[in-house]
Amino acid sequence: MKNYRSAMGKTIDMAALASRNEHTRAVGNMRVNARGDTIDANGRVIKPITDKVNEAYGKTVGNKSAQVKRTVTPKPQVKEELTIAEIELEESFEDDIEVEKIKAEEVKKGKK
């Protein structure tokens, strides 16, 4: 920070003054010290200013750019009437699956 000259002509180092008093209770009704930490009635730090800054940063920047939410919208299912050929094809698939299951069981029995 900068050095200031008071009305009486004294030089005041604002950085040194702030660092000397950063743990002193601030004037007002916000329950913080001069640094910005949230404090209790006895002056103990409840929540440091670094946590407050990280939360504020996460709410603004983190959610918008870094953590893009991708929602998958399900496609609406359209019921279509199957033709006779398509119905027969589906039934033949079911039959093929049953045949494969039977073959697998026979292979298992043959190995035992």
PDB file of N, CA and C in Angstrom:
ATOM      1  N   MET A   1       0.840  -1.182   0.000  1.00  0.00           N
ATOM      2  CA  MET A   1       0.000   0.000   0.000  1.00  0.00           C
ATOM      3  C   MET A   1       0.880   1.239   0.000  1.00  0.00           C
ATOM      4  N   LYS A   2       0.246   2.320   0.069  1.00  0.00           N
ATOM      5  CA  LYS A   2       0.909   3.597  -0.059  1.00  0.00           C
ATOM      6  C   LYS A   2       1.111   4.247   1.307  1.00  0.00           C
ATOM      7  N   ASN A   3       2.133   5.073   1.403  1.00  0.00           N
ATOM      8  CA  ASN A   3       2.336   5.877   2.604  1.00  0.00           C
ATOM      9  C   ASN A   3       1.561   7.180   2.452  1.00  0.00           C
ATOM     10  N   TYR A   4       0.817   7.544   3.475  1.00  0.00           N
ATOM     11  CA  TYR A   4       0.015   8.768   3.450  1.00  0.00           C
ATOM     12  C   TYR A   4       0.556   9.759   4.458  1.00  0.00           C
ATOM     13  N   ARG A   5       0.293  11.043   4.228  1.00  0.00           N
ATOM     14  CA  ARG A   5       0.685  12.095   5.149  1.00  0.00           C
ATOM     15  C   ARG A   5      -0.584  12.624   5.799  1.00  0.00           C
ATOM     16  N   SER A   6      -0.595  12.648   7.121  1.00  0.00           N
ATOM     17  CA  SER A   6      -1.769  13.115   7.848  1.00  0.00           C
ATOM     18  C   SER A   6      -1.844  14.638   7.828  1.00  0.00           C
ATOM     19  N   ALA A   7      -2.933  15.178   8.361  1.00  0.00           N
ATOM     20  CA  ALA A   7      -3.114  16.630   8.413  1.00  0.00           C
ATOM     21  C   ALA A   7      -2.092  17.281   9.338  1.00  0.00           C
ATOM     22  N   MET A   8      -1.606  16.497  10.300  1.00  0.00           N
ATOM     23  CA  MET A   8      -0.589  17.020  11.227  1.00  0.00           C
ATOM     24  C   MET A   8       0.822  16.864  10.660  1.00  0.00           C
ATOM     25  N   GLY A   9       0.970  16.245   9.484  1.00  0.00           N
ATOM     26  CA  GLY A   9       2.261  16.101   8.839  1.00  0.00           C
ATOM     27  C   GLY A   9       2.948  14.777   9.113  1.00  0.00           C
ATOM     28  N   LYS A  10       2.307  13.866   9.814  1.00  0.00           N
ATOM     29  CA  LYS A  10       2.921  12.563  10.096  1.00  0.00           C
ATOM     30  C   LYS A  10       2.732  11.626   8.905  1.00  0.00           C
ATOM     31  N   THR A  11       3.706  10.746   8.686  1.00  0.00           N
ATOM     32  CA  THR A  11       3.615   9.751   7.624  1.00  0.00           C
ATOM     33  C   THR A  11       2.990   8.485   8.210  1.00  0.00           C
ATOM     34  N   ILE A  12       1.987   7.956   7.496  1.00  0.00           N
ATOM     35  CA  ILE A  12       1.289   6.755   7.953  1.00  0.00           C
ATOM     36  C   ILE A  12       1.429   5.680   6.884  1.00  0.00           C
ATOM     37  N   ASP A  13       1.971   4.537   7.282  1.00  0.00           N
ATOM     38  CA  ASP A  13       2.088   3.383   6.384  1.00  0.00           C
ATOM     39  C   ASP A  13       0.815   2.549   6.542  1.00  0.00           C
ATOM     40  N   MET A  14      -0.078   2.609   5.563  1.00  0.00           N
ATOM     41  CA  MET A  14      -1.377   1.937   5.658  1.00  0.00           C
ATOM     42  C   MET A  14      -1.241   0.416   5.653  1.00  0.00           C
ATOM     43  N   ALA A  15      -0.269  -0.139   4.926  1.00  0.00           N
ATOM     44  CA  ALA A  15      -0.080  -1.588   4.894  1.00  0.00           C
ATOM     45  C   ALA A  15       0.339  -2.108   6.265  1.00  0.00           C
ATOM     46  N   ALA A  16       1.238  -1.404   6.917  1.00  0.00           N
ATOM     47  CA  ALA A  16       1.684  -1.820   8.249  1.00  0.00           C
ATOM     48  C   ALA A  16       0.549  -1.691   9.257  1.00  0.00           C
ATOM     49  N   LEU A  17      -0.227  -0.640   9.140  1.00  0.00           N
ATOM     50  CA  LEU A  17      -1.354  -0.433  10.045  1.00  0.00           C
ATOM     51  C   LEU A  17      -2.398  -1.539   9.874  1.00  0.00           C
ATOM     52  N   ALA A  18      -2.680  -1.907   8.641  1.00  0.00           N
ATOM     53  CA  ALA A  18      -3.660  -2.963   8.376  1.00  0.00           C
ATOM     54  C   ALA A  18      -3.158  -4.315   8.863  1.00  0.00           C
ATOM     55  N   SER A  19      -1.871  -4.609   8.643  1.00  0.00           N
ATOM     56  CA  SER A  19      -1.351  -5.908   9.075  1.00  0.00           C
ATOM     57  C   SER A  19      -1.260  -6.008  10.589  1.00  0.00           C
ATOM     58  N   ARG A  20      -1.029  -4.914  11.277  1.00  0.00           N
ATOM     59  CA  ARG A  20      -0.990  -4.939  12.749  1.00  0.00           C
ATOM     60  C   ARG A  20      -2.362  -5.190  13.346  1.00  0.00           C
ATOM     61  N   ASN A  21      -3.406  -4.740  12.673  1.00  0.00           N
ATOM     62  CA  ASN A  21      -4.754  -4.797  13.245  1.00  0.00           C
ATOM     63  C   ASN A  21      -5.698  -5.749  12.519  1.00  0.00           C
ATOM     64  N   GLU A  22      -5.164  -6.693  11.757  1.00  0.00           N
ATOM     65  CA  GLU A  22      -6.056  -7.548  10.972  1.00  0.00           C
ATOM     66  C   GLU A  22      -6.867  -8.522  11.823  1.00  0.00           C
ATOM     67  N   HIS A  23      -6.455  -8.787  13.052  1.00  0.00           N
ATOM     68  CA  HIS A  23      -7.213  -9.688  13.921  1.00  0.00           C
ATOM     69  C   HIS A  23      -8.068  -8.928  14.930  1.00  0.00           C
ATOM     70  N   THR A  24      -8.143  -7.620  14.793  1.00  0.00           N
ATOM     71  CA  THR A  24      -8.960  -6.795  15.676  1.00  0.00           C
ATOM     72  C   THR A  24     -10.390  -6.769  15.154  1.00  0.00           C
ATOM     73  N   ARG A  25     -11.341  -6.814  16.072  1.00  0.00           N
ATOM     74  CA  ARG A  25     -12.762  -6.791  15.702  1.00  0.00           C
ATOM     75  C   ARG A  25     -13.073  -5.484  14.962  1.00  0.00           C
ATOM     76  N   ALA A  26     -13.764  -5.594  13.837  1.00  0.00           N
ATOM     77  CA  ALA A  26     -14.122  -4.417  13.041  1.00  0.00           C
ATOM     78  C   ALA A  26     -15.330  -3.726  13.662  1.00  0.00           C
ATOM     79  N   VAL A  27     -15.433  -2.436  13.425  1.00  0.00           N
ATOM     80  CA  VAL A  27     -16.566  -1.667  13.926  1.00  0.00           C
ATOM     81  C   VAL A  27     -17.751  -1.924  13.007  1.00  0.00           C
ATOM     82  N   GLY A  28     -18.908  -2.217  13.592  1.00  0.00           N
ATOM     83  CA  GLY A  28     -20.103  -2.477  12.808  1.00  0.00           C
ATOM     84  C   GLY A  28     -20.840  -3.686  13.346  1.00  0.00           C
ATOM     85  N   ASN A  29     -21.829  -4.118  12.609  1.00  0.00           N
ATOM     86  CA  ASN A  29     -22.660  -5.229  13.075  1.00  0.00           C
ATOM     87  C   ASN A  29     -22.496  -6.492  12.237  1.00  0.00           C
ATOM     88  N   MET A  30     -21.390  -6.643  11.523  1.00  0.00           N
ATOM     89  CA  MET A  30     -21.209  -7.794  10.635  1.00  0.00           C
ATOM     90  C   MET A  30     -20.481  -8.963  11.279  1.00  0.00           C
ATOM     91  N   ARG A  31     -19.999  -8.851  12.501  1.00  0.00           N
ATOM     92  CA  ARG A  31     -19.257  -9.889  13.212  1.00  0.00           C
ATOM     93  C   ARG A  31     -18.051 -10.372  12.413  1.00  0.00           C
ATOM     94  N   VAL A  32     -17.202  -9.445  11.978  1.00  0.00           N
ATOM     95  CA  VAL A  32     -15.972  -9.764  11.266  1.00  0.00           C
ATOM     96  C   VAL A  32     -14.815  -9.018  11.902  1.00  0.00           C
ATOM     97  N   ASN A  33     -13.595  -9.508  11.625  1.00  0.00           N
ATOM     98  CA  ASN A  33     -12.424  -8.754  12.040  1.00  0.00           C
ATOM     99  C   ASN A  33     -11.991  -7.866  10.881  1.00  0.00           C
ATOM    100  N   ALA A  34     -10.909  -7.118  11.074  1.00  0.00           N
ATOM    101  CA  ALA A  34     -10.484  -6.164  10.051  1.00  0.00           C
ATOM    102  C   ALA A  34     -10.062  -6.869   8.764  1.00  0.00           C
ATOM    103  N   ARG A  35      -9.672  -8.107   8.854  1.00  0.00           N
ATOM    104  CA  ARG A  35      -9.272  -8.863   7.672  1.00  0.00           C
ATOM    105  C   ARG A  35     -10.472  -9.343   6.866  1.00  0.00           C
ATOM    106  N   GLY A  36     -11.620  -9.568   7.525  1.00  0.00           N
ATOM    107  CA  GLY A  36     -12.816 -10.028   6.844  1.00  0.00           C
ATOM    108  C   GLY A  36     -13.275 -11.396   7.301  1.00  0.00           C
ATOM    109  N   ASP A  37     -12.529 -12.043   8.221  1.00  0.00           N
ATOM    110  CA  ASP A  37     -12.919 -13.346   8.746  1.00  0.00           C
ATOM    111  C   ASP A  37     -14.174 -13.206   9.599  1.00  0.00           C
ATOM    112  N   THR A  38     -15.078 -14.175   9.504  1.00  0.00           N
ATOM    113  CA  THR A  38     -16.245 -14.194  10.383  1.00  0.00           C
ATOM    114  C   THR A  38     -15.779 -14.661  11.757  1.00  0.00           C
ATOM    115  N   ILE A  39     -16.146 -13.905  12.805  1.00  0.00           N
ATOM    116  CA  ILE A  39     -15.689 -14.227  14.153  1.00  0.00           C
ATOM    117  C   ILE A  39     -16.883 -14.370  15.087  1.00  0.00           C
ATOM    118  N   ASP A  40     -16.657 -15.029  16.231  1.00  0.00           N
ATOM    119  CA  ASP A  40     -17.717 -15.177  17.226  1.00  0.00           C
ATOM    120  C   ASP A  40     -17.609 -14.051  18.252  1.00  0.00           C
ATOM    121  N   ALA A  41     -18.380 -14.143  19.328  1.00  0.00           N
ATOM    122  CA  ALA A  41     -18.410 -13.083  20.342  1.00  0.00           C
ATOM    123  C   ALA A  41     -17.075 -12.930  21.064  1.00  0.00           C
ATOM    124  N   ASN A  42     -16.270 -13.993  21.108  1.00  0.00           N
ATOM    125  CA  ASN A  42     -14.977 -13.930  21.792  1.00  0.00           C
ATOM    126  C   ASN A  42     -13.831 -13.561  20.864  1.00  0.00           C
ATOM    127  N   GLY A  43     -14.113 -13.363  19.607  1.00  0.00           N
ATOM    128  CA  GLY A  43     -13.079 -12.972  18.650  1.00  0.00           C
ATOM    129  C   GLY A  43     -12.393 -14.129  17.966  1.00  0.00           C
ATOM    130  N   ARG A  44     -12.862 -15.356  18.156  1.00  0.00           N
ATOM    131  CA  ARG A  44     -12.279 -16.517  17.487  1.00  0.00           C
ATOM    132  C   ARG A  44     -12.815 -16.612  16.062  1.00  0.00           C
ATOM    133  N   VAL A  45     -11.956 -16.990  15.140  1.00  0.00           N
ATOM    134  CA  VAL A  45     -12.322 -17.071  13.725  1.00  0.00           C
ATOM    135  C   VAL A  45     -13.205 -18.301  13.503  1.00  0.00           C
ATOM    136  N   ILE A  46     -14.408 -18.072  12.970  1.00  0.00           N
ATOM    137  CA  ILE A  46     -15.332 -19.149  12.642  1.00  0.00           C
ATOM    138  C   ILE A  46     -15.136 -19.581  11.193  1.00  0.00           C
ATOM    139  N   LYS A  47     -15.067 -18.596  10.304  1.00  0.00           N
ATOM    140  CA  LYS A  47     -14.912 -18.877   8.878  1.00  0.00           C
ATOM    141  C   LYS A  47     -13.903 -17.887   8.297  1.00  0.00           C
ATOM    142  N   PRO A  48     -12.754 -18.386   7.820  1.00  0.00           N
ATOM    143  CA  PRO A  48     -11.747 -17.485   7.259  1.00  0.00           C
ATOM    144  C   PRO A  48     -12.209 -16.833   5.954  1.00  0.00           C
ATOM    145  N   ILE A  49     -11.626 -15.719   5.648  1.00  0.00           N
ATOM    146  CA  ILE A  49     -11.992 -14.974   4.441  1.00  0.00           C
ATOM    147  C   ILE A  49     -11.647 -15.774   3.186  1.00  0.00           C
ATOM    148  N   THR A  50     -10.602 -16.605   3.256  1.00  0.00           N
ATOM    149  CA  THR A  50     -10.238 -17.404   2.077  1.00  0.00           C
ATOM    150  C   THR A  50     -11.351 -18.373   1.704  1.00  0.00           C
ATOM    151  N   ASP A  51     -12.027 -18.954   2.704  1.00  0.00           N
ATOM    152  CA  ASP A  51     -13.156 -19.844   2.416  1.00  0.00           C
ATOM    153  C   ASP A  51     -14.306 -19.080   1.770  1.00  0.00           C
ATOM    154  N   LYS A  52     -14.556 -17.881   2.250  1.00  0.00           N
ATOM    155  CA  LYS A  52     -15.636 -17.062   1.671  1.00  0.00           C
ATOM    156  C   LYS A  52     -15.337 -16.735   0.216  1.00  0.00           C
ATOM    157  N   VAL A  53     -14.094 -16.364  -0.054  1.00  0.00           N
ATOM    158  CA  VAL A  53     -13.710 -16.012  -1.423  1.00  0.00           C
ATOM    159  C   VAL A  53     -13.809 -17.228  -2.338  1.00  0.00           C
ATOM    160  N   ASN A  54     -13.355 -18.390  -1.855  1.00  0.00           N
ATOM    161  CA  ASN A  54     -13.429 -19.607  -2.671  1.00  0.00           C
ATOM    162  C   ASN A  54     -14.874 -19.992  -2.974  1.00  0.00           C
ATOM    163  N   GLU A  55     -15.774 -19.845  -2.013  1.00  0.00           N
ATOM    164  CA  GLU A  55     -17.191 -20.144  -2.251  1.00  0.00           C
ATOM    165  C   GLU A  55     -17.787 -19.198  -3.288  1.00  0.00           C
ATOM    166  N   ALA A  56     -17.483 -17.915  -3.147  1.00  0.00           N
ATOM    167  CA  ALA A  56     -18.021 -16.934  -4.095  1.00  0.00           C
ATOM    168  C   ALA A  56     -17.492 -17.198  -5.498  1.00  0.00           C
ATOM    169  N   TYR A  57     -16.224 -17.533  -5.599  1.00  0.00           N
ATOM    170  CA  TYR A  57     -15.632 -17.830  -6.901  1.00  0.00           C
ATOM    171  C   TYR A  57     -16.258 -19.084  -7.507  1.00  0.00           C
ATOM    172  N   GLY A  58     -16.452 -20.090  -6.679  1.00  0.00           N
ATOM    173  CA  GLY A  58     -17.054 -21.333  -7.167  1.00  0.00           C
ATOM    174  C   GLY A  58     -18.476 -21.142  -7.651  1.00  0.00           C
ATOM    175  N   LYS A  59     -19.213 -20.256  -6.998  1.00  0.00           N
ATOM    176  CA  LYS A  59     -20.603 -20.006  -7.412  1.00  0.00           C
ATOM    177  C   LYS A  59     -20.668 -19.286  -8.745  1.00  0.00           C
ATOM    178  N   THR A  60     -19.745 -18.379  -9.004  1.00  0.00           N
ATOM    179  CA  THR A  60     -19.821 -17.599 -10.227  1.00  0.00           C
ATOM    180  C   THR A  60     -19.110 -18.262 -11.387  1.00  0.00           C
ATOM    181  N   VAL A  61     -17.845 -18.571 -11.231  1.00  0.00           N
ATOM    182  CA  VAL A  61     -17.050 -19.068 -12.348  1.00  0.00           C
ATOM    183  C   VAL A  61     -17.147 -20.578 -12.480  1.00  0.00           C
ATOM    184  N   GLY A  62     -17.027 -21.295 -11.377  1.00  0.00           N
ATOM    185  CA  GLY A  62     -16.956 -22.751 -11.425  1.00  0.00           C
ATOM    186  C   GLY A  62     -18.168 -23.389 -12.054  1.00  0.00           C
ATOM    187  N   ASN A  63     -19.355 -22.884 -11.777  1.00  0.00           N
ATOM    188  CA  ASN A  63     -20.566 -23.522 -12.285  1.00  0.00           C
ATOM    189  C   ASN A  63     -20.821 -23.200 -13.743  1.00  0.00           C
ATOM    190  N   LYS A  64     -20.400 -22.051 -14.207  1.00  0.00           N
ATOM    191  CA  LYS A  64     -20.742 -21.644 -15.560  1.00  0.00           C
ATOM    192  C   LYS A  64     -19.813 -22.219 -16.610  1.00  0.00           C
ATOM    193  N   SER A  65     -18.502 -22.209 -16.369  1.00  0.00           N
ATOM    194  CA  SER A  65     -17.591 -22.631 -17.421  1.00  0.00           C
ATOM    195  C   SER A  65     -16.920 -23.965 -17.155  1.00  0.00           C
ATOM    196  N   ALA A  66     -16.502 -24.197 -15.941  1.00  0.00           N
ATOM    197  CA  ALA A  66     -15.726 -25.398 -15.663  1.00  0.00           C
ATOM    198  C   ALA A  66     -16.602 -26.632 -15.529  1.00  0.00           C
ATOM    199  N   GLN A  67     -17.785 -26.472 -15.003  1.00  0.00           N
ATOM    200  CA  GLN A  67     -18.642 -27.617 -14.758  1.00  0.00           C
ATOM    201  C   GLN A  67     -19.925 -27.492 -15.575  1.00  0.00           C
ATOM    202  N   VAL A  68     -19.792 -27.758 -16.853  1.00  0.00           N
ATOM    203  CA  VAL A  68     -20.939 -27.650 -17.739  1.00  0.00           C
ATOM    204  C   VAL A  68     -21.877 -28.819 -17.468  1.00  0.00           C
ATOM    205  N   LYS A  69     -23.117 -28.504 -17.232  1.00  0.00           N
ATOM    206  CA  LYS A  69     -24.105 -29.545 -16.990  1.00  0.00           C
ATOM    207  C   LYS A  69     -24.707 -29.974 -18.320  1.00  0.00           C
ATOM    208  N   ARG A  70     -24.624 -31.253 -18.555  1.00  0.00           N
ATOM    209  CA  ARG A  70     -25.193 -31.788 -19.785  1.00  0.00           C
ATOM    210  C   ARG A  70     -26.381 -32.650 -19.404  1.00  0.00           C
ATOM    211  N   THR A  71     -27.520 -32.257 -19.888  1.00  0.00           N
ATOM    212  CA  THR A  71     -28.720 -33.034 -19.601  1.00  0.00           C
ATOM    213  C   THR A  71     -29.124 -33.784 -20.854  1.00  0.00           C
ATOM    214  N   VAL A  72     -29.432 -35.016 -20.670  1.00  0.00           N
ATOM    215  CA  VAL A  72     -29.857 -35.858 -21.785  1.00  0.00           C
ATOM    216  C   VAL A  72     -31.371 -35.943 -21.742  1.00  0.00           C
ATOM    217  N   THR A  73     -31.989 -35.439 -22.781  1.00  0.00           N
ATOM    218  CA  THR A  73     -33.445 -35.505 -22.854  1.00  0.00           C
ATOM    219  C   THR A  73     -33.826 -36.752 -23.628  1.00  0.00           C
ATOM    220  N   PRO A  74     -34.640 -37.575 -23.046  1.00  0.00           N
ATOM    221  CA  PRO A  74     -35.026 -38.802 -23.748  1.00  0.00           C
ATOM    222  C   PRO A  74     -35.888 -38.480 -24.964  1.00  0.00           C
ATOM    223  N   LYS A  75     -35.636 -39.239 -26.008  1.00  0.00           N
ATOM    224  CA  LYS A  75     -36.427 -39.037 -27.224  1.00  0.00           C
ATOM    225  C   LYS A  75     -37.815 -39.618 -27.003  1.00  0.00           C
ATOM    226  N   PRO A  76     -38.813 -38.914 -27.454  1.00  0.00           N
ATOM    227  CA  PRO A  76     -40.162 -39.459 -27.288  1.00  0.00           C
ATOM    228  C   PRO A  76     -40.325 -40.723 -28.133  1.00  0.00           C
ATOM    229  N   GLN A  77     -40.906 -41.735 -27.524  1.00  0.00           N
ATOM    230  CA  GLN A  77     -41.089 -42.998 -28.228  1.00  0.00           C
ATOM    231  C   GLN A  77     -42.381 -42.943 -29.041  1.00  0.00           C
ATOM    232  N   VAL A  78     -42.213 -43.217 -30.286  1.00  0.00           N
ATOM    233  CA  VAL A  78     -43.346 -43.221 -31.191  1.00  0.00           C
ATOM    234  C   VAL A  78     -43.724 -44.677 -31.443  1.00  0.00           C
ATOM    235  N   LYS A  79     -44.942 -45.022 -31.129  1.00  0.00           N
ATOM    236  CA  LYS A  79     -45.398 -46.386 -31.367  1.00  0.00           C
ATOM    237  C   LYS A  79     -45.792 -46.508 -32.830  1.00  0.00           C
ATOM    238  N   GLU A  80     -45.147 -47.465 -33.451  1.00  0.00           N
ATOM    239  CA  GLU A  80     -45.453 -47.715 -34.853  1.00  0.00           C
ATOM    240  C   GLU A  80     -46.037 -49.123 -34.971  1.00  0.00           C
ATOM    241  N   GLU A  81     -46.923 -49.276 -35.870  1.00  0.00           N
ATOM    242  CA  GLU A  81     -47.492 -50.589 -36.136  1.00  0.00           C
ATOM    243  C   GLU A  81     -46.493 -51.391 -36.944  1.00  0.00           C
ATOM    244  N   LEU A  82     -46.258 -52.611 -36.487  1.00  0.00           N
ATOM    245  CA  LEU A  82     -45.338 -53.483 -37.205  1.00  0.00           C
ATOM    246  C   LEU A  82     -46.072 -54.208 -38.325  1.00  0.00           C
ATOM    247  N   THR A  83     -45.335 -54.419 -39.388  1.00  0.00           N
ATOM    248  CA  THR A  83     -45.908 -55.190 -40.497  1.00  0.00           C
ATOM    249  C   THR A  83     -45.836 -56.671 -40.148  1.00  0.00           C
ATOM    250  N   ILE A  84     -46.498 -57.474 -40.902  1.00  0.00           N
ATOM    251  CA  ILE A  84     -46.537 -58.917 -40.653  1.00  0.00           C
ATOM    252  C   ILE A  84     -45.128 -59.505 -40.768  1.00  0.00           C
ATOM    253  N   ALA A  85     -44.355 -59.023 -41.733  1.00  0.00           N
ATOM    254  CA  ALA A  85     -42.992 -59.535 -41.918  1.00  0.00           C
ATOM    255  C   ALA A  85     -42.114 -59.179 -40.713  1.00  0.00           C
ATOM    256  N   GLU A  86     -42.282 -57.988 -40.194  1.00  0.00           N
ATOM    257  CA  GLU A  86     -41.487 -57.575 -39.031  1.00  0.00           C
ATOM    258  C   GLU A  86     -41.866 -58.377 -37.788  1.00  0.00           C
ATOM    259  N   ILE A  87     -43.133 -58.676 -37.616  1.00  0.00           N
ATOM    260  CA  ILE A  87     -43.576 -59.489 -36.477  1.00  0.00           C
ATOM    261  C   ILE A  87     -42.976 -60.885 -36.565  1.00  0.00           C
ATOM    262  N   GLU A  88     -42.990 -61.483 -37.754  1.00  0.00           N
ATOM    263  CA  GLU A  88     -42.418 -62.814 -37.936  1.00  0.00           C
ATOM    264  C   GLU A  88     -40.916 -62.803 -37.671  1.00  0.00           C
ATOM    265  N   LEU A  89     -40.241 -61.723 -38.074  1.00  0.00           N
ATOM    266  CA  LEU A  89     -38.799 -61.607 -37.861  1.00  0.00           C
ATOM    267  C   LEU A  89     -38.477 -61.540 -36.364  1.00  0.00           C
ATOM    268  N   GLU A  90     -39.241 -60.772 -35.617  1.00  0.00           N
ATOM    269  CA  GLU A  90     -39.033 -60.674 -34.169  1.00  0.00           C
ATOM    270  C   GLU A  90     -39.266 -62.018 -33.496  1.00  0.00           C
ATOM    271  N   GLU A  91     -40.282 -62.737 -33.934  1.00  0.00           N
ATOM    272  CA  GLU A  91     -40.559 -64.049 -33.353  1.00  0.00           C
ATOM    273  C   GLU A  91     -39.429 -65.032 -33.655  1.00  0.00           C
ATOM    274  N   SER A  92     -38.855 -64.919 -34.849  1.00  0.00           N
ATOM    275  CA  SER A  92     -37.755 -65.819 -35.192  1.00  0.00           C
ATOM    276  C   SER A  92     -36.520 -65.499 -34.348  1.00  0.00           C
ATOM    277  N   PHE A  93     -36.317 -64.243 -33.999  1.00  0.00           N
ATOM    278  CA  PHE A  93     -35.217 -63.880 -33.110  1.00  0.00           C
ATOM    279  C   PHE A  93     -35.390 -64.530 -31.741  1.00  0.00           C
ATOM    280  N   GLU A  94     -36.622 -64.509 -31.244  1.00  0.00           N
ATOM    281  CA  GLU A  94     -36.896 -65.127 -29.951  1.00  0.00           C
ATOM    282  C   GLU A  94     -36.617 -66.627 -30.006  1.00  0.00           C
ATOM    283  N   ASP A  95     -37.003 -67.263 -31.115  1.00  0.00           N
ATOM    284  CA  ASP A  95     -36.740 -68.693 -31.280  1.00  0.00           C
ATOM    285  C   ASP A  95     -35.236 -68.965 -31.333  1.00  0.00           C
ATOM    286  N   ASP A  96     -34.507 -68.097 -32.045  1.00  0.00           N
ATOM    287  CA  ASP A  96     -33.056 -68.267 -32.152  1.00  0.00           C
ATOM    288  C   ASP A  96     -32.394 -68.154 -30.776  1.00  0.00           C
ATOM    289  N   ILE A  97     -32.872 -67.267 -29.958  1.00  0.00           N
ATOM    290  CA  ILE A  97     -32.315 -67.091 -28.608  1.00  0.00           C
ATOM    291  C   ILE A  97     -32.547 -68.348 -27.776  1.00  0.00           C
ATOM    292  N   GLU A  98     -33.731 -68.916 -27.877  1.00  0.00           N
ATOM    293  CA  GLU A  98     -34.036 -70.149 -27.139  1.00  0.00           C
ATOM    294  C   GLU A  98     -33.143 -71.299 -27.610  1.00  0.00           C
ATOM    295  N   VAL A  99     -32.921 -71.395 -28.899  1.00  0.00           N
ATOM    296  CA  VAL A  99     -32.068 -72.453 -29.442  1.00  0.00           C
ATOM    297  C   VAL A  99     -30.644 -72.291 -28.926  1.00  0.00           C
ATOM    298  N   GLU A 100     -30.136 -71.057 -28.896  1.00  0.00           N
ATOM    299  CA  GLU A 100     -28.776 -70.803 -28.406  1.00  0.00           C
ATOM    300  C   GLU A 100     -28.653 -71.177 -26.935  1.00  0.00           C
ATOM    301  N   LYS A 101     -29.681 -70.897 -26.139  1.00  0.00           N
ATOM    302  CA  LYS A 101     -29.665 -71.268 -24.722  1.00  0.00           C
ATOM    303  C   LYS A 101     -29.581 -72.783 -24.560  1.00  0.00           C
ATOM    304  N   ILE A 102     -30.347 -73.505 -25.356  1.00  0.00           N
ATOM    305  CA  ILE A 102     -30.348 -74.975 -25.285  1.00  0.00           C
ATOM    306  C   ILE A 102     -28.977 -75.513 -25.671  1.00  0.00           C
ATOM    307  N   LYS A 103     -28.374 -74.953 -26.720  1.00  0.00           N
ATOM    308  CA  LYS A 103     -27.046 -75.398 -27.149  1.00  0.00           C
ATOM    309  C   LYS A 103     -26.016 -75.140 -26.056  1.00  0.00           C
ATOM    310  N   ALA A 104     -26.102 -73.994 -25.405  1.00  0.00           N
ATOM    311  CA  ALA A 104     -25.149 -73.657 -24.333  1.00  0.00           C
ATOM    312  C   ALA A 104     -25.271 -74.636 -23.182  1.00  0.00           C
ATOM    313  N   GLU A 105     -26.521 -75.013 -22.833  1.00  0.00           N
ATOM    314  CA  GLU A 105     -26.726 -75.971 -21.757  1.00  0.00           C
ATOM    315  C   GLU A 105     -26.146 -77.331 -22.115  1.00  0.00           C
ATOM    316  N   GLU A 106     -26.304 -77.763 -23.384  1.00  0.00           N
ATOM    317  CA  GLU A 106     -25.773 -79.054 -23.812  1.00  0.00           C
ATOM    318  C   GLU A 106     -24.253 -79.055 -23.767  1.00  0.00           C
ATOM    319  N   VAL A 107     -23.640 -77.950 -24.139  1.00  0.00           N
ATOM    320  CA  VAL A 107     -22.177 -77.852 -24.103  1.00  0.00           C
ATOM    321  C   VAL A 107     -21.688 -77.942 -22.656  1.00  0.00           C
ATOM    322  N   LYS A 108     -22.402 -77.281 -21.729  1.00  0.00           N
ATOM    323  CA  LYS A 108     -22.025 -77.334 -20.310  1.00  0.00           C
ATOM    324  C   LYS A 108     -22.143 -78.761 -19.777  1.00  0.00           C
ATOM    325  N   LYS A 109     -23.214 -79.477 -20.179  1.00  0.00           N
ATOM    326  CA  LYS A 109     -23.414 -80.848 -19.710  1.00  0.00           C
ATOM    327  C   LYS A 109     -22.341 -81.760 -20.286  1.00  0.00           C
ATOM    328  N   GLY A 110     -21.945 -81.523 -21.524  1.00  0.00           N
ATOM    329  CA  GLY A 110     -20.947 -82.338 -22.189  1.00  0.00           C
ATOM    330  C   GLY A 110     -19.575 -82.166 -21.546  1.00  0.00           C
ATOM    331  N   LYS A 111     -19.254 -80.988 -21.016  1.00  0.00           N
ATOM    332  CA  LYS A 111     -17.953 -80.744 -20.390  1.00  0.00           C
ATOM    333  C   LYS A 111     -17.880 -81.359 -19.002  1.00  0.00           C
ATOM    334  N   LYS A 112     -19.022 -81.548 -18.348  1.00  0.00           N
ATOM    335  CA  LYS A 112     -19.023 -82.081 -16.977  1.00  0.00           C
ATOM    336  C   LYS A 112     -18.843 -83.508 -16.959  1.00  0.00           C
TER     337      LYS A 112
END
